[in-house]
Amino acid sequence: MSKLAESIVSTVMLKCGVRVLNGEEVSEYAELVDAELAKGLVIPMLLWCPECGARHVDEGEFATKKHHTHACQSCGHCWRPAIVATCGVRFLPGFKND
């Protein structure tokens, strides 16, 4: 796992209060982040607004468009969850969609 991927995963977990990933899942997600960074693609993330706590999922053109800044659809707060392009997703790719 690269330092950048480790930093991204840690930042997301701390800022968004993600406590549902176990150690193995964190490693798998970090590997996914490394692969996406190597390709220059958008990193999929589970996102919640740091201001109001509303879930943030990118849809339409923003589901695939590279972007750093996210705007909450509930309160309007804008934030940057990482230093790379990200996309708010409902589920992390490769994980069971329960």
Protein backbone atom coordinates (compact mmCIF):
# COMPACT_ATOMS: atom_id res chain seq x y z
CA MET A 1 0.00 0.00 0.00
CA SER A 2 1.42 3.37 -1.00
CA LYS A 3 1.74 6.24 1.46
CA LEU A 4 -0.76 8.26 -0.60
CA ALA A 5 -3.34 5.45 -0.57
CA GLU A 6 -2.82 4.96 3.17
CA SER A 7 -3.28 8.70 3.72
CA ILE A 8 -6.46 8.80 1.61
CA VAL A 9 -8.00 5.83 3.42
CA SER A 10 -7.08 7.25 6.84
CA THR A 11 -8.42 10.71 5.97
CA VAL A 12 -11.70 9.33 4.69
CA MET A 13 -12.18 7.16 7.75
CA LEU A 14 -11.39 10.01 10.16
CA LYS A 15 -13.29 12.82 8.41
CA CYS A 16 -16.34 10.75 7.60
CA GLY A 17 -16.46 8.70 10.77
CA VAL A 18 -16.23 5.44 8.81
CA ARG A 19 -15.91 2.63 11.30
CA VAL A 20 -17.40 -0.21 9.28
CA LEU A 21 -14.24 -1.41 7.51
CA ASN A 22 -12.09 -4.07 9.18
CA GLY A 23 -8.32 -4.30 8.64
CA GLU A 24 -8.60 -6.60 5.63
CA GLU A 25 -11.20 -4.33 3.99
CA VAL A 26 -9.00 -1.27 4.58
CA SER A 27 -6.10 -3.04 2.85
CA GLU A 28 -8.33 -4.06 -0.07
CA TYR A 29 -9.65 -0.50 -0.42
CA ALA A 30 -6.10 0.90 -0.26
CA GLU A 31 -5.08 -1.49 -3.07
CA LEU A 32 -8.04 -0.25 -5.12
CA VAL A 33 -7.00 3.36 -4.44
CA ASP A 34 -3.42 2.58 -5.55
CA ALA A 35 -4.69 0.99 -8.78
CA GLU A 36 -6.97 3.95 -9.53
CA LEU A 37 -4.20 6.46 -8.79
CA ALA A 38 -1.85 4.59 -11.14
CA LYS A 39 -4.44 4.90 -13.92
CA GLY A 40 -5.19 8.55 -13.10
CA LEU A 41 -8.85 7.73 -12.48
CA VAL A 42 -11.38 8.96 -9.95
CA ILE A 43 -11.18 7.36 -6.49
CA PRO A 44 -14.55 5.97 -5.29
CA MET A 45 -15.33 6.96 -1.69
CA LEU A 46 -18.13 6.64 0.81
CA LEU A 47 -18.82 10.29 1.63
CA TRP A 48 -20.84 12.10 4.28
CA CYS A 49 -21.05 15.87 4.62
CA PRO A 50 -18.71 16.99 7.41
CA GLU A 51 -21.12 19.83 8.25
CA CYS A 52 -24.53 18.12 8.52
CA GLY A 53 -23.70 14.40 8.19
CA ALA A 54 -25.88 13.79 5.11
CA ARG A 55 -24.74 11.01 2.77
CA HIS A 56 -23.18 12.29 -0.46
CA VAL A 57 -23.45 10.21 -3.65
CA ASP A 58 -22.32 11.61 -6.99
CA GLU A 59 -24.83 10.94 -9.76
CA GLY A 60 -25.19 11.88 -13.42
CA GLU A 61 -22.11 13.40 -15.01
CA PHE A 62 -20.40 13.75 -11.61
CA ALA A 63 -20.40 9.95 -11.18
CA THR A 64 -17.57 9.72 -13.73
CA LYS A 65 -16.25 13.29 -14.02
CA LYS A 66 -12.95 14.00 -12.23
CA HIS A 67 -13.50 16.48 -9.41
CA HIS A 68 -12.03 17.35 -6.02
CA THR A 69 -14.76 19.49 -4.48
CA HIS A 70 -18.10 18.08 -3.34
CA ALA A 71 -21.23 20.06 -2.46
CA CYS A 72 -23.79 18.71 0.01
CA GLN A 73 -27.28 18.50 -1.48
CA SER A 74 -28.78 18.96 2.00
CA CYS A 75 -26.99 21.97 3.46
CA GLY A 76 -24.85 23.31 0.59
CA HIS A 77 -21.53 22.88 2.40
CA CYS A 78 -18.57 22.37 0.02
CA TRP A 79 -15.53 20.29 0.97
CA ARG A 80 -12.59 18.35 -0.44
CA PRO A 81 -12.28 14.87 1.06
CA ALA A 82 -8.89 14.13 -0.55
CA ILE A 83 -6.07 15.65 -2.59
CA VAL A 84 -7.00 13.51 -5.60
CA ALA A 85 -10.13 13.32 -7.76
CA THR A 86 -12.92 11.51 -5.90
CA CYS A 87 -16.44 10.27 -6.48
CA GLY A 88 -19.08 9.69 -3.81
CA VAL A 89 -20.49 6.17 -4.27
CA ARG A 90 -23.23 4.14 -2.57
CA PHE A 91 -20.95 1.11 -2.15
CA LEU A 92 -17.21 0.60 -2.54
CA PRO A 93 -16.47 -1.38 -5.71
CA GLY A 94 -15.80 -5.03 -5.00
CA PHE A 95 -17.60 -5.08 -1.66
CA LYS A 96 -20.90 -6.81 -0.98
CA ASN A 97 -23.85 -4.47 -1.47
CA ASP A 98 -25.93 -5.36 1.62
